[in-house]
Amino acid sequence: MSKPTPAQIRAARGMLNWSMLDLAKAAGVSISTVKRFECEGDQPVSADTVGMMQDAAETEGVRFLADDGNGPGVRLRRR
C-alpha cells in the first residue's frame, strides 16, 4: 500500500486508543511531527517518517487499507 493518509493515521490512533504522544514514542518521532502530518498543513512530512508511524501502528495490529473506490481505510486485527 502507498503511504497512509493523515485521516488513516488518526483513525489508527483511535483504534489503538493512542494519543499523539503515544504514536510519537512508538514511532520514534517528535509529537510535533505527528501533529504536522495529521493536520495536513503546508509543512510536509517525509515518506520515511510517515513509514515509521505506519510501522508503529501495524506492529500493534492496525492494517491500512488502500482506496477501493470508497476511500482508504483501516482495520484492527483480532488478537
PDB file of N, CA and C in Angstrom:
ATOM      1  N   MET A   1       0.840  -1.183   0.000  1.00  0.00           N
ATOM      2  CA  MET A   1       0.000   0.000   0.000  1.00  0.00           C
ATOM      3  C   MET A   1       0.878   1.237   0.000  1.00  0.00           C
ATOM      4  N   SER A   2       0.368   2.295  -0.569  1.00  0.00           N
ATOM      5  CA  SER A   2       1.081   3.565  -0.533  1.00  0.00           C
ATOM      6  C   SER A   2       1.009   4.144   0.876  1.00  0.00           C
ATOM      7  N   LYS A   3       1.658   5.277   1.065  1.00  0.00           N
ATOM      8  CA  LYS A   3       1.695   5.826   2.423  1.00  0.00           C
ATOM      9  C   LYS A   3       0.288   6.159   2.905  1.00  0.00           C
ATOM     10  N   PRO A   4       0.042   5.946   4.197  1.00  0.00           N
ATOM     11  CA  PRO A   4      -1.284   6.238   4.744  1.00  0.00           C
ATOM     12  C   PRO A   4      -1.573   7.730   4.738  1.00  0.00           C
ATOM     13  N   THR A   5      -2.840   8.044   4.713  1.00  0.00           N
ATOM     14  CA  THR A   5      -3.270   9.440   4.752  1.00  0.00           C
ATOM     15  C   THR A   5      -3.289   9.917   6.204  1.00  0.00           C
ATOM     16  N   PRO A   6      -3.316  11.224   6.406  1.00  0.00           N
ATOM     17  CA  PRO A   6      -3.452  11.732   7.773  1.00  0.00           C
ATOM     18  C   PRO A   6      -4.694  11.187   8.474  1.00  0.00           C
ATOM     19  N   ALA A   7      -5.800  11.073   7.755  1.00  0.00           N
ATOM     20  CA  ALA A   7      -7.028  10.543   8.357  1.00  0.00           C
ATOM     21  C   ALA A   7      -6.841   9.090   8.790  1.00  0.00           C
ATOM     22  N   GLN A   8      -6.108   8.304   8.007  1.00  0.00           N
ATOM     23  CA  GLN A   8      -5.865   6.916   8.383  1.00  0.00           C
ATOM     24  C   GLN A   8      -5.005   6.825   9.639  1.00  0.00           C
ATOM     25  N   ILE A   9      -4.015   7.696   9.747  1.00  0.00           N
ATOM     26  CA  ILE A   9      -3.168   7.688  10.947  1.00  0.00           C
ATOM     27  C   ILE A   9      -4.000   8.082  12.167  1.00  0.00           C
ATOM     28  N   ARG A  10      -4.859   9.090  12.028  1.00  0.00           N
ATOM     29  CA  ARG A  10      -5.739   9.489  13.146  1.00  0.00           C
ATOM     30  C   ARG A  10      -6.656   8.331  13.536  1.00  0.00           C
ATOM     31  N   ALA A  11      -7.226   7.654  12.536  1.00  0.00           N
ATOM     32  CA  ALA A  11      -8.120   6.525  12.805  1.00  0.00           C
ATOM     33  C   ALA A  11      -7.370   5.384  13.490  1.00  0.00           C
ATOM     34  N   ALA A  12      -6.151   5.133  13.041  1.00  0.00           N
ATOM     35  CA  ALA A  12      -5.342   4.073  13.654  1.00  0.00           C
ATOM     36  C   ALA A  12      -5.081   4.389  15.119  1.00  0.00           C
ATOM     37  N   ARG A  13      -4.758   5.643  15.412  1.00  0.00           N
ATOM     38  CA  ARG A  13      -4.545   6.035  16.812  1.00  0.00           C
ATOM     39  C   ARG A  13      -5.799   5.793  17.626  1.00  0.00           C
ATOM     40  N   GLY A  14      -6.949   6.133  17.042  1.00  0.00           N
ATOM     41  CA  GLY A  14      -8.213   5.926  17.739  1.00  0.00           C
ATOM     42  C   GLY A  14      -8.467   4.458  18.029  1.00  0.00           C
ATOM     43  N   MET A  15      -8.185   3.606  17.057  1.00  0.00           N
ATOM     44  CA  MET A  15      -8.405   2.171  17.242  1.00  0.00           C
ATOM     45  C   MET A  15      -7.498   1.608  18.333  1.00  0.00           C
ATOM     46  N   LEU A  16      -6.315   2.176  18.447  1.00  0.00           N
ATOM     47  CA  LEU A  16      -5.355   1.719  19.447  1.00  0.00           C
ATOM     48  C   LEU A  16      -5.502   2.451  20.780  1.00  0.00           C
ATOM     49  N   ASN A  17      -6.386   3.446  20.816  1.00  0.00           N
ATOM     50  CA  ASN A  17      -6.552   4.294  21.995  1.00  0.00           C
ATOM     51  C   ASN A  17      -5.230   4.980  22.350  1.00  0.00           C
ATOM     52  N   TRP A  18      -4.554   5.452  21.318  1.00  0.00           N
ATOM     53  CA  TRP A  18      -3.269   6.135  21.472  1.00  0.00           C
ATOM     54  C   TRP A  18      -3.437   7.635  21.332  1.00  0.00           C
ATOM     55  N   SER A  19      -2.717   8.373  22.129  1.00  0.00           N
ATOM     56  CA  SER A  19      -2.607   9.815  21.949  1.00  0.00           C
ATOM     57  C   SER A  19      -1.551  10.081  20.880  1.00  0.00           C
ATOM     58  N   MET A  20      -1.428  11.332  20.494  1.00  0.00           N
ATOM     59  CA  MET A  20      -0.349  11.699  19.565  1.00  0.00           C
ATOM     60  C   MET A  20       1.005  11.377  20.184  1.00  0.00           C
ATOM     61  N   LEU A  21       1.118  11.593  21.483  1.00  0.00           N
ATOM     62  CA  LEU A  21       2.372  11.310  22.173  1.00  0.00           C
ATOM     63  C   LEU A  21       2.686   9.816  22.141  1.00  0.00           C
ATOM     64  N   ASP A  22       1.669   8.980  22.324  1.00  0.00           N
ATOM     65  CA  ASP A  22       1.875   7.535  22.266  1.00  0.00           C
ATOM     66  C   ASP A  22       2.425   7.124  20.895  1.00  0.00           C
ATOM     67  N   LEU A  23       1.823   7.651  19.839  1.00  0.00           N
ATOM     68  CA  LEU A  23       2.294   7.326  18.494  1.00  0.00           C
ATOM     69  C   LEU A  23       3.704   7.840  18.281  1.00  0.00           C
ATOM     70  N   ALA A  24       3.959   9.061  18.705  1.00  0.00           N
ATOM     71  CA  ALA A  24       5.293   9.637  18.534  1.00  0.00           C
ATOM     72  C   ALA A  24       6.351   8.763  19.208  1.00  0.00           C
ATOM     73  N   LYS A  25       6.075   8.330  20.423  1.00  0.00           N
ATOM     74  CA  LYS A  25       7.028   7.476  21.137  1.00  0.00           C
ATOM     75  C   LYS A  25       7.213   6.142  20.432  1.00  0.00           C
ATOM     76  N   ALA A  26       6.116   5.512  20.012  1.00  0.00           N
ATOM     77  CA  ALA A  26       6.195   4.206  19.358  1.00  0.00           C
ATOM     78  C   ALA A  26       6.922   4.284  18.022  1.00  0.00           C
ATOM     79  N   ALA A  27       6.783   5.405  17.329  1.00  0.00           N
ATOM     80  CA  ALA A  27       7.397   5.565  16.013  1.00  0.00           C
ATOM     81  C   ALA A  27       8.797   6.163  16.083  1.00  0.00           C
ATOM     82  N   GLY A  28       9.157   6.697  17.235  1.00  0.00           N
ATOM     83  CA  GLY A  28      10.471   7.328  17.355  1.00  0.00           C
ATOM     84  C   GLY A  28      10.559   8.660  16.636  1.00  0.00           C
ATOM     85  N   VAL A  29       9.440   9.394  16.655  1.00  0.00           N
ATOM     86  CA  VAL A  29       9.402  10.730  16.039  1.00  0.00           C
ATOM     87  C   VAL A  29       8.911  11.722  17.087  1.00  0.00           C
ATOM     88  N   SER A  30       8.980  12.991  16.765  1.00  0.00           N
ATOM     89  CA  SER A  30       8.518  14.001  17.719  1.00  0.00           C
ATOM     90  C   SER A  30       7.007  14.156  17.631  1.00  0.00           C
ATOM     91  N   ILE A  31       6.420  14.618  18.717  1.00  0.00           N
ATOM     92  CA  ILE A  31       4.981  14.858  18.715  1.00  0.00           C
ATOM     93  C   ILE A  31       4.620  15.955  17.722  1.00  0.00           C
ATOM     94  N   SER A  32       5.504  16.922  17.532  1.00  0.00           N
ATOM     95  CA  SER A  32       5.217  17.980  16.557  1.00  0.00           C
ATOM     96  C   SER A  32       5.158  17.417  15.133  1.00  0.00           C
ATOM     97  N   THR A  33       5.915  16.368  14.863  1.00  0.00           N
ATOM     98  CA  THR A  33       5.858  15.727  13.550  1.00  0.00           C
ATOM     99  C   THR A  33       4.508  15.052  13.350  1.00  0.00           C
ATOM    100  N   VAL A  34       4.025  14.353  14.373  1.00  0.00           N
ATOM    101  CA  VAL A  34       2.720  13.706  14.292  1.00  0.00           C
ATOM    102  C   VAL A  34       1.646  14.772  14.065  1.00  0.00           C
ATOM    103  N   LYS A  35       1.686  15.844  14.835  1.00  0.00           N
ATOM    104  CA  LYS A  35       0.706  16.923  14.690  1.00  0.00           C
ATOM    105  C   LYS A  35       0.756  17.514  13.290  1.00  0.00           C
ATOM    106  N   ARG A  36       1.957  17.771  12.812  1.00  0.00           N
ATOM    107  CA  ARG A  36       2.131  18.375  11.489  1.00  0.00           C
ATOM    108  C   ARG A  36       1.530  17.476  10.411  1.00  0.00           C
ATOM    109  N   PHE A  37       1.763  16.173  10.499  1.00  0.00           N
ATOM    110  CA  PHE A  37       1.228  15.266   9.495  1.00  0.00           C
ATOM    111  C   PHE A  37      -0.292  15.169   9.585  1.00  0.00           C
ATOM    112  N   GLU A  38      -0.815  14.992  10.790  1.00  0.00           N
ATOM    113  CA  GLU A  38      -2.256  14.808  10.945  1.00  0.00           C
ATOM    114  C   GLU A  38      -3.059  16.055  10.597  1.00  0.00           C
ATOM    115  N   CYS A  39      -2.473  17.206  10.754  1.00  0.00           N
ATOM    116  CA  CYS A  39      -3.181  18.451  10.441  1.00  0.00           C
ATOM    117  C   CYS A  39      -3.153  18.783   8.954  1.00  0.00           C
ATOM    118  N   GLU A  40      -2.405  18.005   8.179  1.00  0.00           N
ATOM    119  CA  GLU A  40      -2.319  18.192   6.736  1.00  0.00           C
ATOM    120  C   GLU A  40      -1.938  19.629   6.386  1.00  0.00           C
ATOM    121  N   GLY A  41      -0.991  20.154   7.130  1.00  0.00           N
ATOM    122  CA  GLY A  41      -0.567  21.531   6.925  1.00  0.00           C
ATOM    123  C   GLY A  41       0.334  21.704   5.719  1.00  0.00           C
ATOM    124  N   ASP A  42       0.905  22.874   5.617  1.00  0.00           N
ATOM    125  CA  ASP A  42       1.764  23.208   4.488  1.00  0.00           C
ATOM    126  C   ASP A  42       3.156  22.613   4.612  1.00  0.00           C
ATOM    127  N   GLN A  43       3.539  22.190   5.807  1.00  0.00           N
ATOM    128  CA  GLN A  43       4.877  21.638   6.008  1.00  0.00           C
ATOM    129  C   GLN A  43       4.817  20.123   5.845  1.00  0.00           C
ATOM    130  N   PRO A  44       5.412  19.614   4.777  1.00  0.00           N
ATOM    131  CA  PRO A  44       5.324  18.169   4.532  1.00  0.00           C
ATOM    132  C   PRO A  44       6.156  17.355   5.524  1.00  0.00           C
ATOM    133  N   VAL A  45       5.773  16.106   5.656  1.00  0.00           N
ATOM    134  CA  VAL A  45       6.493  15.137   6.470  1.00  0.00           C
ATOM    135  C   VAL A  45       7.076  14.120   5.495  1.00  0.00           C
ATOM    136  N   SER A  46       8.302  13.715   5.705  1.00  0.00           N
ATOM    137  CA  SER A  46       8.961  12.810   4.761  1.00  0.00           C
ATOM    138  C   SER A  46       8.258  11.449   4.714  1.00  0.00           C
ATOM    139  N   ALA A  47       8.391  10.795   3.578  1.00  0.00           N
ATOM    140  CA  ALA A  47       7.802   9.467   3.405  1.00  0.00           C
ATOM    141  C   ALA A  47       8.393   8.484   4.414  1.00  0.00           C
ATOM    142  N   ASP A  48       9.678   8.621   4.726  1.00  0.00           N
ATOM    143  CA  ASP A  48      10.313   7.739   5.715  1.00  0.00           C
ATOM    144  C   ASP A  48       9.664   7.903   7.082  1.00  0.00           C
ATOM    145  N   THR A  49       9.373   9.140   7.456  1.00  0.00           N
ATOM    146  CA  THR A  49       8.761   9.412   8.760  1.00  0.00           C
ATOM    147  C   THR A  49       7.337   8.872   8.817  1.00  0.00           C
ATOM    148  N   VAL A  50       6.591   9.060   7.738  1.00  0.00           N
ATOM    149  CA  VAL A  50       5.235   8.504   7.686  1.00  0.00           C
ATOM    150  C   VAL A  50       5.316   6.980   7.781  1.00  0.00           C
ATOM    151  N   GLY A  51       6.300   6.395   7.134  1.00  0.00           N
ATOM    152  CA  GLY A  51       6.500   4.956   7.209  1.00  0.00           C
ATOM    153  C   GLY A  51       6.778   4.486   8.621  1.00  0.00           C
ATOM    154  N   MET A  52       7.497   5.282   9.392  1.00  0.00           N
ATOM    155  CA  MET A  52       7.775   4.933  10.788  1.00  0.00           C
ATOM    156  C   MET A  52       6.483   4.933  11.616  1.00  0.00           C
ATOM    157  N   MET A  53       5.604   5.905  11.352  1.00  0.00           N
ATOM    158  CA  MET A  53       4.323   5.946  12.057  1.00  0.00           C
ATOM    159  C   MET A  53       3.456   4.757  11.629  1.00  0.00           C
ATOM    160  N   GLN A  54       3.462   4.454  10.346  1.00  0.00           N
ATOM    161  CA  GLN A  54       2.708   3.316   9.835  1.00  0.00           C
ATOM    162  C   GLN A  54       3.204   2.014  10.461  1.00  0.00           C
ATOM    163  N   ASP A  55       4.514   1.832  10.486  1.00  0.00           N
ATOM    164  CA  ASP A  55       5.098   0.618  11.068  1.00  0.00           C
ATOM    165  C   ASP A  55       4.719   0.457  12.534  1.00  0.00           C
ATOM    166  N   ALA A  56       4.732   1.561  13.279  1.00  0.00           N
ATOM    167  CA  ALA A  56       4.394   1.500  14.708  1.00  0.00           C
ATOM    168  C   ALA A  56       2.958   1.023  14.896  1.00  0.00           C
ATOM    169  N   ALA A  57       2.038   1.545  14.088  1.00  0.00           N
ATOM    170  CA  ALA A  57       0.636   1.136  14.198  1.00  0.00           C
ATOM    171  C   ALA A  57       0.451  -0.307  13.737  1.00  0.00           C
ATOM    172  N   GLU A  58       1.125  -0.680  12.658  1.00  0.00           N
ATOM    173  CA  GLU A  58       0.991  -2.045  12.150  1.00  0.00           C
ATOM    174  C   GLU A  58       1.538  -3.071  13.142  1.00  0.00           C
ATOM    175  N   THR A  59       2.569  -2.704  13.870  1.00  0.00           N
ATOM    176  CA  THR A  59       3.124  -3.592  14.892  1.00  0.00           C
ATOM    177  C   THR A  59       2.075  -3.924  15.953  1.00  0.00           C
ATOM    178  N   GLU A  60       1.165  -2.989  16.196  1.00  0.00           N
ATOM    179  CA  GLU A  60       0.112  -3.185  17.195  1.00  0.00           C
ATOM    180  C   GLU A  60      -1.170  -3.763  16.601  1.00  0.00           C
ATOM    181  N   GLY A  61      -1.145  -4.123  15.321  1.00  0.00           N
ATOM    182  CA  GLY A  61      -2.288  -4.811  14.728  1.00  0.00           C
ATOM    183  C   GLY A  61      -3.143  -4.018  13.771  1.00  0.00           C
ATOM    184  N   VAL A  62      -2.779  -2.786  13.476  1.00  0.00           N
ATOM    185  CA  VAL A  62      -3.555  -1.991  12.531  1.00  0.00           C
ATOM    186  C   VAL A  62      -3.154  -2.394  11.113  1.00  0.00           C
ATOM    187  N   ARG A  63      -4.153  -2.509  10.266  1.00  0.00           N
ATOM    188  CA  ARG A  63      -3.915  -2.774   8.851  1.00  0.00           C
ATOM    189  C   ARG A  63      -4.458  -1.594   8.066  1.00  0.00           C
ATOM    190  N   PHE A  64      -3.621  -1.000   7.227  1.00  0.00           N
ATOM    191  CA  PHE A  64      -4.029   0.133   6.406  1.00  0.00           C
ATOM    192  C   PHE A  64      -4.557  -0.394   5.082  1.00  0.00           C
ATOM    193  N   LEU A  65      -5.756   0.025   4.711  1.00  0.00           N
ATOM    194  CA  LEU A  65      -6.416  -0.464   3.508  1.00  0.00           C
ATOM    195  C   LEU A  65      -6.362   0.581   2.406  1.00  0.00           C
ATOM    196  N   ALA A  66      -6.022   0.123   1.204  1.00  0.00           N
ATOM    197  CA  ALA A  66      -5.955   1.012   0.042  1.00  0.00           C
ATOM    198  C   ALA A  66      -7.358   1.465  -0.350  1.00  0.00           C
ATOM    199  N   ASP A  67      -7.420   2.522  -1.101  1.00  0.00           N
ATOM    200  CA  ASP A  67      -8.688   3.045  -1.602  1.00  0.00           C
ATOM    201  C   ASP A  67      -9.285   2.039  -2.586  1.00  0.00           C
ATOM    202  N   ASP A  68     -10.472   1.553  -2.278  1.00  0.00           N
ATOM    203  CA  ASP A  68     -11.152   0.584  -3.145  1.00  0.00           C
ATOM    204  C   ASP A  68     -12.261   1.236  -3.961  1.00  0.00           C
ATOM    205  N   GLY A  69     -12.206   2.540  -4.058  1.00  0.00           N
ATOM    206  CA  GLY A  69     -13.251   3.294  -4.729  1.00  0.00           C
ATOM    207  C   GLY A  69     -14.178   3.988  -3.745  1.00  0.00           C
ATOM    208  N   ASN A  70     -14.113   3.565  -2.493  1.00  0.00           N
ATOM    209  CA  ASN A  70     -14.908   4.180  -1.434  1.00  0.00           C
ATOM    210  C   ASN A  70     -14.048   4.936  -0.440  1.00  0.00           C
ATOM    211  N   GLY A  71     -12.787   5.081  -0.750  1.00  0.00           N
ATOM    212  CA  GLY A  71     -11.859   5.767   0.138  1.00  0.00           C
ATOM    213  C   GLY A  71     -10.971   4.777   0.877  1.00  0.00           C
ATOM    214  N   PRO A  72      -9.824   5.234   1.343  1.00  0.00           N
ATOM    215  CA  PRO A  72      -8.921   4.369   2.110  1.00  0.00           C
ATOM    216  C   PRO A  72      -9.492   4.094   3.486  1.00  0.00           C
ATOM    217  N   GLY A  73      -8.955   3.067   4.148  1.00  0.00           N
ATOM    218  CA  GLY A  73      -9.481   2.732   5.472  1.00  0.00           C
ATOM    219  C   GLY A  73      -8.438   2.103   6.364  1.00  0.00           C
ATOM    220  N   VAL A  74      -8.876   1.687   7.532  1.00  0.00           N
ATOM    221  CA  VAL A  74      -8.018   0.974   8.494  1.00  0.00           C
ATOM    222  C   VAL A  74      -8.836  -0.140   9.126  1.00  0.00           C
ATOM    223  N   ARG A  75      -8.145  -1.150   9.560  1.00  0.00           N
ATOM    224  CA  ARG A  75      -8.782  -2.276  10.245  1.00  0.00           C
ATOM    225  C   ARG A  75      -7.844  -2.723  11.357  1.00  0.00           C
ATOM    226  N   LEU A  76      -8.412  -3.156  12.468  1.00  0.00           N
ATOM    227  CA  LEU A  76      -7.621  -3.668  13.576  1.00  0.00           C
ATOM    228  C   LEU A  76      -7.751  -5.189  13.586  1.00  0.00           C
ATOM    229  N   ARG A  77      -6.621  -5.876  13.486  1.00  0.00           N
ATOM    230  CA  ARG A  77      -6.648  -7.331  13.503  1.00  0.00           C
ATOM    231  C   ARG A  77      -7.078  -7.825  14.874  1.00  0.00           C
ATOM    232  N   ARG A  78      -7.727  -8.956  14.876  1.00  0.00           N
ATOM    233  CA  ARG A  78      -8.087  -9.593  16.146  1.00  0.00           C
ATOM    234  C   ARG A  78      -6.837 -10.086  16.816  1.00  0.00           C
ATOM    235  N   ARG A  79      -6.870 -10.059  18.126  1.00  0.00           N
ATOM    236  CA  ARG A  79      -5.695 -10.524  18.884  1.00  0.00           C
ATOM    237  C   ARG A  79      -5.971 -11.849  19.509  1.00  0.00           C
TER     238      ARG A  79
END
